Amino acid sequence: MTSAMRKLSISVPPDVAERLERESNASAYITQAVRDRMRLDALDAELAHQGIQITGQGVAEARARRAAVEADWSPERRRALRERARQHAVDAAAGAVDQPAA
């Protein structure tokens, strides 16, 4: 059984149009991107509900702390972590990884 679908007509900037034209299924690509954003928005709302505000300054500080830690990583550690993340993505795509509840 398929779910109900709605057809929309949207306007996008040229760079976005060029990217979508490279996709075999632009609708699925856009749907996933919007769902990802909806999850981030829900997380932001939950954090705000818990009294945690995400600010641009806080994000910049966290990124700077992460960059400082990563600067000390050896090339071998960086490769190992990259491979671990890649394997997790492959496993998730194959359904081999439990996904957190949305």
PDB file of N, CA and C in Angstrom:
ATOM      1  N   MET A   1       0.849  -1.184   0.000  1.00  0.00           N
ATOM      2  CA  MET A   1       0.000   0.000   0.000  1.00  0.00           C
ATOM      3  C   MET A   1       0.886   1.237   0.000  1.00  0.00           C
ATOM      4  N   THR A   2       0.622   2.150  -0.878  1.00  0.00           N
ATOM      5  CA  THR A   2       1.402   3.377  -0.934  1.00  0.00           C
ATOM      6  C   THR A   2       0.671   4.476  -0.181  1.00  0.00           C
ATOM      7  N   SER A   3       1.453   5.389   0.366  1.00  0.00           N
ATOM      8  CA  SER A   3       0.842   6.505   1.079  1.00  0.00           C
ATOM      9  C   SER A   3       0.402   7.566   0.086  1.00  0.00           C
ATOM     10  N   ALA A   4      -0.510   8.403   0.524  1.00  0.00           N
ATOM     11  CA  ALA A   4      -1.005   9.474  -0.338  1.00  0.00           C
ATOM     12  C   ALA A   4       0.128  10.445  -0.641  1.00  0.00           C
ATOM     13  N   MET A   5       0.168  10.914  -1.844  1.00  0.00           N
ATOM     14  CA  MET A   5       1.201  11.865  -2.262  1.00  0.00           C
ATOM     15  C   MET A   5       0.506  13.108  -2.779  1.00  0.00           C
ATOM     16  N   ARG A   6       1.211  14.237  -2.656  1.00  0.00           N
ATOM     17  CA  ARG A   6       0.722  15.494  -3.212  1.00  0.00           C
ATOM     18  C   ARG A   6       1.782  16.031  -4.142  1.00  0.00           C
ATOM     19  N   LYS A   7       1.362  16.541  -5.269  1.00  0.00           N
ATOM     20  CA  LYS A   7       2.278  17.129  -6.226  1.00  0.00           C
ATOM     21  C   LYS A   7       2.401  18.618  -5.934  1.00  0.00           C
ATOM     22  N   LEU A   8       3.634  19.086  -5.855  1.00  0.00           N
ATOM     23  CA  LEU A   8       3.901  20.489  -5.596  1.00  0.00           C
ATOM     24  C   LEU A   8       4.767  21.041  -6.719  1.00  0.00           C
ATOM     25  N   SER A   9       4.638  22.301  -6.941  1.00  0.00           N
ATOM     26  CA  SER A   9       5.514  22.999  -7.873  1.00  0.00           C
ATOM     27  C   SER A   9       6.322  23.990  -7.041  1.00  0.00           C
ATOM     28  N   ILE A  10       7.654  23.882  -7.117  1.00  0.00           N
ATOM     29  CA  ILE A  10       8.489  24.766  -6.313  1.00  0.00           C
ATOM     30  C   ILE A  10       9.481  25.496  -7.209  1.00  0.00           C
ATOM     31  N   SER A  11       9.968  26.601  -6.715  1.00  0.00           N
ATOM     32  CA  SER A  11      11.024  27.354  -7.400  1.00  0.00           C
ATOM     33  C   SER A  11      12.267  27.285  -6.538  1.00  0.00           C
ATOM     34  N   VAL A  12      13.408  27.012  -7.172  1.00  0.00           N
ATOM     35  CA  VAL A  12      14.667  26.908  -6.447  1.00  0.00           C
ATOM     36  C   VAL A  12      15.747  27.688  -7.190  1.00  0.00           C
ATOM     37  N   PRO A  13      16.788  28.107  -6.482  1.00  0.00           N
ATOM     38  CA  PRO A  13      17.892  28.801  -7.147  1.00  0.00           C
ATOM     39  C   PRO A  13      18.607  27.860  -8.123  1.00  0.00           C
ATOM     40  N   PRO A  14      19.328  28.422  -9.088  1.00  0.00           N
ATOM     41  CA  PRO A  14      19.999  27.597 -10.102  1.00  0.00           C
ATOM     42  C   PRO A  14      20.931  26.527  -9.541  1.00  0.00           C
ATOM     43  N   ASP A  15      21.694  26.845  -8.491  1.00  0.00           N
ATOM     44  CA  ASP A  15      22.611  25.841  -7.960  1.00  0.00           C
ATOM     45  C   ASP A  15      21.863  24.647  -7.378  1.00  0.00           C
ATOM     46  N   VAL A  16      20.712  24.897  -6.760  1.00  0.00           N
ATOM     47  CA  VAL A  16      19.900  23.817  -6.206  1.00  0.00           C
ATOM     48  C   VAL A  16      19.272  23.016  -7.345  1.00  0.00           C
ATOM     49  N   ALA A  17      18.791  23.705  -8.358  1.00  0.00           N
ATOM     50  CA  ALA A  17      18.203  23.016  -9.516  1.00  0.00           C
ATOM     51  C   ALA A  17      19.224  22.092 -10.170  1.00  0.00           C
ATOM     52  N   GLU A  18      20.460  22.586 -10.326  1.00  0.00           N
ATOM     53  CA  GLU A  18      21.511  21.769 -10.933  1.00  0.00           C
ATOM     54  C   GLU A  18      21.780  20.520 -10.103  1.00  0.00           C
ATOM     55  N   ARG A  19      21.765  20.666  -8.788  1.00  0.00           N
ATOM     56  CA  ARG A  19      21.997  19.502  -7.913  1.00  0.00           C
ATOM     57  C   ARG A  19      20.856  18.504  -8.028  1.00  0.00           C
ATOM     58  N   LEU A  20      19.636  18.990  -8.026  1.00  0.00           N
ATOM     59  CA  LEU A  20      18.479  18.102  -8.122  1.00  0.00           C
ATOM     60  C   LEU A  20      18.425  17.388  -9.464  1.00  0.00           C
ATOM     61  N   GLU A  21      18.884  18.044 -10.515  1.00  0.00           N
ATOM     62  CA  GLU A  21      18.873  17.429 -11.836  1.00  0.00           C
ATOM     63  C   GLU A  21      19.814  16.235 -11.919  1.00  0.00           C
ATOM     64  N   ARG A  22      20.791  16.148 -11.013  1.00  0.00           N
ATOM     65  CA  ARG A  22      21.709  15.006 -10.995  1.00  0.00           C
ATOM     66  C   ARG A  22      21.132  13.810 -10.238  1.00  0.00           C
ATOM     67  N   GLU A  23      20.026  14.013  -9.539  1.00  0.00           N
ATOM     68  CA  GLU A  23      19.400  12.935  -8.770  1.00  0.00           C
ATOM     69  C   GLU A  23      18.491  12.102  -9.652  1.00  0.00           C
ATOM     70  N   SER A  24      18.516  10.789  -9.446  1.00  0.00           N
ATOM     71  CA  SER A  24      17.601   9.927 -10.200  1.00  0.00           C
ATOM     72  C   SER A  24      16.167  10.095  -9.719  1.00  0.00           C
ATOM     73  N   ASN A  25      15.995  10.480  -8.446  1.00  0.00           N
ATOM     74  CA  ASN A  25      14.663  10.693  -7.882  1.00  0.00           C
ATOM     75  C   ASN A  25      14.711  11.951  -7.020  1.00  0.00           C
ATOM     76  N   ALA A  26      14.517  13.098  -7.647  1.00  0.00           N
ATOM     77  CA  ALA A  26      14.599  14.375  -6.940  1.00  0.00           C
ATOM     78  C   ALA A  26      13.540  14.466  -5.839  1.00  0.00           C
ATOM     79  N   SER A  27      12.371  13.895  -6.064  1.00  0.00           N
ATOM     80  CA  SER A  27      11.320  13.953  -5.036  1.00  0.00           C
ATOM     81  C   SER A  27      11.763  13.236  -3.768  1.00  0.00           C
ATOM     82  N   ALA A  28      12.364  12.065  -3.892  1.00  0.00           N
ATOM     83  CA  ALA A  28      12.841  11.321  -2.724  1.00  0.00           C
ATOM     84  C   ALA A  28      13.966  12.085  -2.034  1.00  0.00           C
ATOM     85  N   TYR A  29      14.843  12.695  -2.820  1.00  0.00           N
ATOM     86  CA  TYR A  29      15.951  13.464  -2.274  1.00  0.00           C
ATOM     87  C   TYR A  29      15.430  14.648  -1.455  1.00  0.00           C
ATOM     88  N   ILE A  30      14.486  15.375  -2.009  1.00  0.00           N
ATOM     89  CA  ILE A  30      13.906  16.526  -1.315  1.00  0.00           C
ATOM     90  C   ILE A  30      13.142  16.069  -0.073  1.00  0.00           C
ATOM     91  N   THR A  31      12.393  14.987  -0.191  1.00  0.00           N
ATOM     92  CA  THR A  31      11.635  14.463   0.942  1.00  0.00           C
ATOM     93  C   THR A  31      12.564  14.132   2.094  1.00  0.00           C
ATOM     94  N   GLN A  32      13.680  13.457   1.804  1.00  0.00           N
ATOM     95  CA  GLN A  32      14.622  13.101   2.870  1.00  0.00           C
ATOM     96  C   GLN A  32      15.240  14.346   3.485  1.00  0.00           C
ATOM     97  N   ALA A  33      15.589  15.322   2.660  1.00  0.00           N
ATOM     98  CA  ALA A  33      16.186  16.559   3.173  1.00  0.00           C
ATOM     99  C   ALA A  33      15.203  17.281   4.102  1.00  0.00           C
ATOM    100  N   VAL A  34      13.946  17.349   3.711  1.00  0.00           N
ATOM    101  CA  VAL A  34      12.942  18.032   4.536  1.00  0.00           C
ATOM    102  C   VAL A  34      12.708  17.254   5.829  1.00  0.00           C
ATOM    103  N   ARG A  35      12.652  15.922   5.742  1.00  0.00           N
ATOM    104  CA  ARG A  35      12.472  15.127   6.965  1.00  0.00           C
ATOM    105  C   ARG A  35      13.659  15.291   7.901  1.00  0.00           C
ATOM    106  N   ASP A  36      14.874  15.355   7.357  1.00  0.00           N
ATOM    107  CA  ASP A  36      16.052  15.596   8.189  1.00  0.00           C
ATOM    108  C   ASP A  36      15.915  16.936   8.906  1.00  0.00           C
ATOM    109  N   ARG A  37      15.472  17.952   8.178  1.00  0.00           N
ATOM    110  CA  ARG A  37      15.296  19.277   8.777  1.00  0.00           C
ATOM    111  C   ARG A  37      14.195  19.254   9.837  1.00  0.00           C
ATOM    112  N   MET A  38      13.125  18.495   9.585  1.00  0.00           N
ATOM    113  CA  MET A  38      12.045  18.390  10.569  1.00  0.00           C
ATOM    114  C   MET A  38      12.561  17.762  11.865  1.00  0.00           C
ATOM    115  N   ARG A  39      13.442  16.748  11.751  1.00  0.00           N
ATOM    116  CA  ARG A  39      14.021  16.137  12.944  1.00  0.00           C
ATOM    117  C   ARG A  39      14.893  17.135  13.703  1.00  0.00           C
ATOM    118  N   LEU A  40      15.676  17.934  12.973  1.00  0.00           N
ATOM    119  CA  LEU A  40      16.493  18.951  13.633  1.00  0.00           C
ATOM    120  C   LEU A  40      15.621  19.991  14.331  1.00  0.00           C
ATOM    121  N   ASP A  41      14.541  20.411  13.671  1.00  0.00           N
ATOM    122  CA  ASP A  41      13.628  21.370  14.284  1.00  0.00           C
ATOM    123  C   ASP A  41      12.991  20.796  15.549  1.00  0.00           C
ATOM    124  N   ALA A  42      12.629  19.501  15.511  1.00  0.00           N
ATOM    125  CA  ALA A  42      12.035  18.843  16.684  1.00  0.00           C
ATOM    126  C   ALA A  42      13.066  18.771  17.811  1.00  0.00           C
ATOM    127  N   LEU A  43      14.322  18.501  17.463  1.00  0.00           N
ATOM    128  CA  LEU A  43      15.373  18.470  18.474  1.00  0.00           C
ATOM    129  C   LEU A  43      15.560  19.855  19.087  1.00  0.00           C
ATOM    130  N   ASP A  44      15.608  20.886  18.251  1.00  0.00           N
ATOM    131  CA  ASP A  44      15.723  22.257  18.765  1.00  0.00           C
ATOM    132  C   ASP A  44      14.570  22.588  19.709  1.00  0.00           C
ATOM    133  N   ALA A  45      13.358  22.177  19.334  1.00  0.00           N
ATOM    134  CA  ALA A  45      12.185  22.444  20.175  1.00  0.00           C
ATOM    135  C   ALA A  45      12.293  21.701  21.500  1.00  0.00           C
ATOM    136  N   GLU A  46      12.749  20.456  21.466  1.00  0.00           N
ATOM    137  CA  GLU A  46      12.888  19.683  22.704  1.00  0.00           C
ATOM    138  C   GLU A  46      13.974  20.274  23.593  1.00  0.00           C
ATOM    139  N   LEU A  47      15.089  20.678  22.999  1.00  0.00           N
ATOM    140  CA  LEU A  47      16.140  21.313  23.788  1.00  0.00           C
ATOM    141  C   LEU A  47      15.634  22.606  24.425  1.00  0.00           C
ATOM    142  N   ALA A  48      14.890  23.396  23.659  1.00  0.00           N
ATOM    143  CA  ALA A  48      14.320  24.637  24.206  1.00  0.00           C
ATOM    144  C   ALA A  48      13.360  24.323  25.343  1.00  0.00           C
ATOM    145  N   HIS A  49      12.554  23.269  25.173  1.00  0.00           N
ATOM    146  CA  HIS A  49      11.618  22.848  26.216  1.00  0.00           C
ATOM    147  C   HIS A  49      12.374  22.467  27.495  1.00  0.00           C
ATOM    148  N   GLN A  50      13.565  21.902  27.345  1.00  0.00           N
ATOM    149  CA  GLN A  50      14.383  21.510  28.491  1.00  0.00           C
ATOM    150  C   GLN A  50      15.216  22.677  29.033  1.00  0.00           C
ATOM    151  N   GLY A  51      15.068  23.857  28.414  1.00  0.00           N
ATOM    152  CA  GLY A  51      15.783  25.034  28.885  1.00  0.00           C
ATOM    153  C   GLY A  51      17.160  25.212  28.267  1.00  0.00           C
ATOM    154  N   ILE A  52      17.436  24.507  27.187  1.00  0.00           N
ATOM    155  CA  ILE A  52      18.738  24.596  26.523  1.00  0.00           C
ATOM    156  C   ILE A  52      18.558  25.378  25.234  1.00  0.00           C
ATOM    157  N   GLN A  53      19.190  26.525  25.160  1.00  0.00           N
ATOM    158  CA  GLN A  53      19.094  27.352  23.962  1.00  0.00           C
ATOM    159  C   GLN A  53      20.340  27.161  23.107  1.00  0.00           C
ATOM    160  N   ILE A  54      20.163  26.906  21.824  1.00  0.00           N
ATOM    161  CA  ILE A  54      21.265  26.782  20.883  1.00  0.00           C
ATOM    162  C   ILE A  54      21.468  28.152  20.245  1.00  0.00           C
ATOM    163  N   THR A  55      22.679  28.675  20.370  1.00  0.00           N
ATOM    164  CA  THR A  55      22.977  29.984  19.792  1.00  0.00           C
ATOM    165  C   THR A  55      24.104  29.841  18.783  1.00  0.00           C
ATOM    166  N   GLY A  56      24.212  30.800  17.904  1.00  0.00           N
ATOM    167  CA  GLY A  56      25.306  30.812  16.938  1.00  0.00           C
ATOM    168  C   GLY A  56      26.656  30.837  17.629  1.00  0.00           C
ATOM    169  N   GLN A  57      26.757  31.628  18.701  1.00  0.00           N
ATOM    170  CA  GLN A  57      28.009  31.707  19.449  1.00  0.00           C
ATOM    171  C   GLN A  57      28.344  30.350  20.080  1.00  0.00           C
ATOM    172  N   GLY A  58      27.349  29.703  20.654  1.00  0.00           N
ATOM    173  CA  GLY A  58      27.573  28.393  21.272  1.00  0.00           C
ATOM    174  C   GLY A  58      28.015  27.354  20.250  1.00  0.00           C
ATOM    175  N   VAL A  59      27.391  27.376  19.079  1.00  0.00           N
ATOM    176  CA  VAL A  59      27.772  26.449  18.011  1.00  0.00           C
ATOM    177  C   VAL A  59      29.205  26.722  17.576  1.00  0.00           C
ATOM    178  N   ALA A  60      29.564  27.995  17.404  1.00  0.00           N
ATOM    179  CA  ALA A  60      30.927  28.349  16.997  1.00  0.00           C
ATOM    180  C   ALA A  60      31.950  27.899  18.034  1.00  0.00           C
ATOM    181  N   GLU A  61      31.629  28.074  19.312  1.00  0.00           N
ATOM    182  CA  GLU A  61      32.545  27.643  20.373  1.00  0.00           C
ATOM    183  C   GLU A  61      32.706  26.128  20.381  1.00  0.00           C
ATOM    184  N   ALA A  62      31.602  25.408  20.205  1.00  0.00           N
ATOM    185  CA  ALA A  62      31.676  23.945  20.176  1.00  0.00           C
ATOM    186  C   ALA A  62      32.494  23.468  18.978  1.00  0.00           C
ATOM    187  N   ARG A  63      32.301  24.101  17.827  1.00  0.00           N
ATOM    188  CA  ARG A  63      33.084  23.724  16.649  1.00  0.00           C
ATOM    189  C   ARG A  63      34.571  23.994  16.861  1.00  0.00           C
ATOM    190  N   ALA A  64      34.890  25.109  17.516  1.00  0.00           N
ATOM    191  CA  ALA A  64      36.289  25.429  17.789  1.00  0.00           C
ATOM    192  C   ALA A  64      36.910  24.399  18.741  1.00  0.00           C
ATOM    193  N   ARG A  65      36.164  23.992  19.773  1.00  0.00           N
ATOM    194  CA  ARG A  65      36.673  22.964  20.697  1.00  0.00           C
ATOM    195  C   ARG A  65      36.895  21.652  19.964  1.00  0.00           C
ATOM    196  N   ARG A  66      35.947  21.283  19.087  1.00  0.00           N
ATOM    197  CA  ARG A  66      36.093  20.039  18.328  1.00  0.00           C
ATOM    198  C   ARG A  66      37.307  20.115  17.398  1.00  0.00           C
ATOM    199  N   ALA A  67      37.489  21.229  16.718  1.00  0.00           N
ATOM    200  CA  ALA A  67      38.627  21.387  15.813  1.00  0.00           C
ATOM    201  C   ALA A  67      39.939  21.272  16.581  1.00  0.00           C
ATOM    202  N   ALA A  68      39.984  21.822  17.800  1.00  0.00           N
ATOM    203  CA  ALA A  68      41.197  21.737  18.611  1.00  0.00           C
ATOM    204  C   ALA A  68      41.508  20.288  18.974  1.00  0.00           C
ATOM    205  N   VAL A  69      40.490  19.521  19.324  1.00  0.00           N
ATOM    206  CA  VAL A  69      40.690  18.103  19.653  1.00  0.00           C
ATOM    207  C   VAL A  69      41.127  17.340  18.403  1.00  0.00           C
ATOM    208  N   GLU A  70      40.428  17.565  17.284  1.00  0.00           N
ATOM    209  CA  GLU A  70      40.747  16.842  16.050  1.00  0.00           C
ATOM    210  C   GLU A  70      42.138  17.178  15.525  1.00  0.00           C
ATOM    211  N   ALA A  71      42.647  18.364  15.841  1.00  0.00           N
ATOM    212  CA  ALA A  71      43.977  18.759  15.371  1.00  0.00           C
ATOM    213  C   ALA A  71      45.050  17.823  15.935  1.00  0.00           C
ATOM    214  N   ASP A  72      44.778  17.215  17.068  1.00  0.00           N
ATOM    215  CA  ASP A  72      45.736  16.302  17.686  1.00  0.00           C
ATOM    216  C   ASP A  72      45.600  14.856  17.197  1.00  0.00           C
ATOM    217  N   TRP A  73      44.609  14.575  16.354  1.00  0.00           N
ATOM    218  CA  TRP A  73      44.409  13.210  15.871  1.00  0.00           C
ATOM    219  C   TRP A  73      45.469  12.846  14.850  1.00  0.00           C
ATOM    220  N   SER A  74      45.910  11.613  14.921  1.00  0.00           N
ATOM    221  CA  SER A  74      46.850  11.107  13.920  1.00  0.00           C
ATOM    222  C   SER A  74      46.076  10.795  12.638  1.00  0.00           C
ATOM    223  N   PRO A  75      46.776  10.745  11.506  1.00  0.00           N
ATOM    224  CA  PRO A  75      46.098  10.353  10.262  1.00  0.00           C
ATOM    225  C   PRO A  75      45.445   8.978  10.366  1.00  0.00           C
ATOM    226  N   GLU A  76      46.064   8.065  11.103  1.00  0.00           N
ATOM    227  CA  GLU A  76      45.495   6.716  11.262  1.00  0.00           C
ATOM    228  C   GLU A  76      44.166   6.768  12.021  1.00  0.00           C
ATOM    229  N   ARG A  77      44.113   7.582  13.074  1.00  0.00           N
ATOM    230  CA  ARG A  77      42.866   7.693  13.840  1.00  0.00           C
ATOM    231  C   ARG A  77      41.779   8.325  12.978  1.00  0.00           C
ATOM    232  N   ARG A  78      42.142   9.350  12.231  1.00  0.00           N
ATOM    233  CA  ARG A  78      41.175  10.020  11.358  1.00  0.00           C
ATOM    234  C   ARG A  78      40.610   9.029  10.337  1.00  0.00           C
ATOM    235  N   ARG A  79      41.497   8.222   9.721  1.00  0.00           N
ATOM    236  CA  ARG A  79      41.046   7.213   8.747  1.00  0.00           C
ATOM    237  C   ARG A  79      40.140   6.176   9.396  1.00  0.00           C
ATOM    238  N   ALA A  80      40.511   5.717  10.602  1.00  0.00           N
ATOM    239  CA  ALA A  80      39.717   4.708  11.302  1.00  0.00           C
ATOM    240  C   ALA A  80      38.320   5.245  11.630  1.00  0.00           C
ATOM    241  N   LEU A  81      38.244   6.482  12.085  1.00  0.00           N
ATOM    242  CA  LEU A  81      36.936   7.066  12.407  1.00  0.00           C
ATOM    243  C   LEU A  81      36.100   7.283  11.149  1.00  0.00           C
ATOM    244  N   ARG A  82      36.752   7.707  10.067  1.00  0.00           N
ATOM    245  CA  ARG A  82      36.048   7.890   8.797  1.00  0.00           C
ATOM    246  C   ARG A  82      35.485   6.551   8.307  1.00  0.00           C
ATOM    247  N   GLU A  83      36.282   5.486   8.423  1.00  0.00           N
ATOM    248  CA  GLU A  83      35.829   4.156   7.997  1.00  0.00           C
ATOM    249  C   GLU A  83      34.693   3.660   8.880  1.00  0.00           C
ATOM    250  N   ARG A  84      34.787   3.922  10.182  1.00  0.00           N
ATOM    251  CA  ARG A  84      33.716   3.513  11.101  1.00  0.00           C
ATOM    252  C   ARG A  84      32.405   4.222  10.750  1.00  0.00           C
ATOM    253  N   ALA A  85      32.477   5.511  10.459  1.00  0.00           N
ATOM    254  CA  ALA A  85      31.279   6.262  10.079  1.00  0.00           C
ATOM    255  C   ALA A  85      30.725   5.757   8.754  1.00  0.00           C
ATOM    256  N   ARG A  86      31.625   5.476   7.792  1.00  0.00           N
ATOM    257  CA  ARG A  86      31.181   4.962   6.498  1.00  0.00           C
ATOM    258  C   ARG A  86      30.484   3.613   6.669  1.00  0.00           C
ATOM    259  N   GLN A  87      31.064   2.734   7.476  1.00  0.00           N
ATOM    260  CA  GLN A  87      30.464   1.416   7.681  1.00  0.00           C
ATOM    261  C   GLN A  87      29.116   1.537   8.379  1.00  0.00           C
ATOM    262  N   HIS A  88      29.007   2.453   9.317  1.00  0.00           N
ATOM    263  CA  HIS A  88      27.725   2.662   9.999  1.00  0.00           C
ATOM    264  C   HIS A  88      26.660   3.117   8.987  1.00  0.00           C
ATOM    265  N   ALA A  89      27.045   4.019   8.083  1.00  0.00           N
ATOM    266  CA  ALA A  89      26.094   4.493   7.066  1.00  0.00           C
ATOM    267  C   ALA A  89      25.674   3.350   6.149  1.00  0.00           C
ATOM    268  N   VAL A  90      26.626   2.495   5.771  1.00  0.00           N
ATOM    269  CA  VAL A  90      26.305   1.336   4.920  1.00  0.00           C
ATOM    270  C   VAL A  90      25.364   0.397   5.661  1.00  0.00           C
ATOM    271  N   ASP A  91      25.674   0.121   6.929  1.00  0.00           N
ATOM    272  CA  ASP A  91      24.812  -0.764   7.734  1.00  0.00           C
ATOM    273  C   ASP A  91      23.421  -0.176   7.912  1.00  0.00           C
ATOM    274  N   ALA A  92      23.346   1.136   8.140  1.00  0.00           N
ATOM    275  CA  ALA A  92      22.043   1.793   8.325  1.00  0.00           C
ATOM    276  C   ALA A  92      21.236   1.714   7.033  1.00  0.00           C
ATOM    277  N   ALA A  93      21.893   1.914   5.901  1.00  0.00           N
ATOM    278  CA  ALA A  93      21.189   1.847   4.613  1.00  0.00           C
ATOM    279  C   ALA A  93      20.667   0.434   4.349  1.00  0.00           C
ATOM    280  N   ALA A  94      21.388  -0.561   4.865  1.00  0.00           N
ATOM    281  CA  ALA A  94      20.978  -1.953   4.667  1.00  0.00           C
ATOM    282  C   ALA A  94      19.974  -2.400   5.744  1.00  0.00           C
ATOM    283  N   GLY A  95      19.673  -1.519   6.683  1.00  0.00           N
ATOM    284  CA  GLY A  95      18.718  -1.864   7.741  1.00  0.00           C
ATOM    285  C   GLY A  95      19.327  -2.669   8.857  1.00  0.00           C
ATOM    286  N   ALA A  96      20.663  -2.722   8.924  1.00  0.00           N
ATOM    287  CA  ALA A  96      21.343  -3.524   9.926  1.00  0.00           C
ATOM    288  C   ALA A  96      21.580  -2.782  11.229  1.00  0.00           C
ATOM    289  N   VAL A  97      21.214  -1.519  11.289  1.00  0.00           N
ATOM    290  CA  VAL A  97      21.441  -0.700  12.477  1.00  0.00           C
ATOM    291  C   VAL A  97      20.101  -0.235  12.995  1.00  0.00           C
ATOM    292  N   ASP A  98      19.892  -0.383  14.300  1.00  0.00           N
ATOM    293  CA  ASP A  98      18.647   0.147  14.891  1.00  0.00           C
ATOM    294  C   ASP A  98      18.666   1.652  14.799  1.00  0.00           C
ATOM    295  N   GLN A  99      17.611   2.224  14.244  1.00  0.00           N
ATOM    296  CA  GLN A  99      17.489   3.668  14.140  1.00  0.00           C
ATOM    297  C   GLN A  99      16.763   4.198  15.359  1.00  0.00           C
ATOM    298  N   PRO A 100      17.193   5.345  15.906  1.00  0.00           N
ATOM    299  CA  PRO A 100      16.471   5.916  17.045  1.00  0.00           C
ATOM    300  C   PRO A 100      15.063   6.319  16.641  1.00  0.00           C
ATOM    301  N   ALA A 101      14.188   6.279  17.606  1.00  0.00           N
ATOM    302  CA  ALA A 101      12.801   6.681  17.346  1.00  0.00           C
ATOM    303  C   ALA A 101      12.766   8.152  16.994  1.00  0.00           C
ATOM    304  N   ALA A 102      11.930   8.513  16.028  1.00  0.00           N
ATOM    305  CA  ALA A 102      11.824   9.923  15.609  1.00  0.00           C
ATOM    306  C   ALA A 102      10.897  10.671  16.520  1.00  0.00           C
TER     307      ALA A 102
END
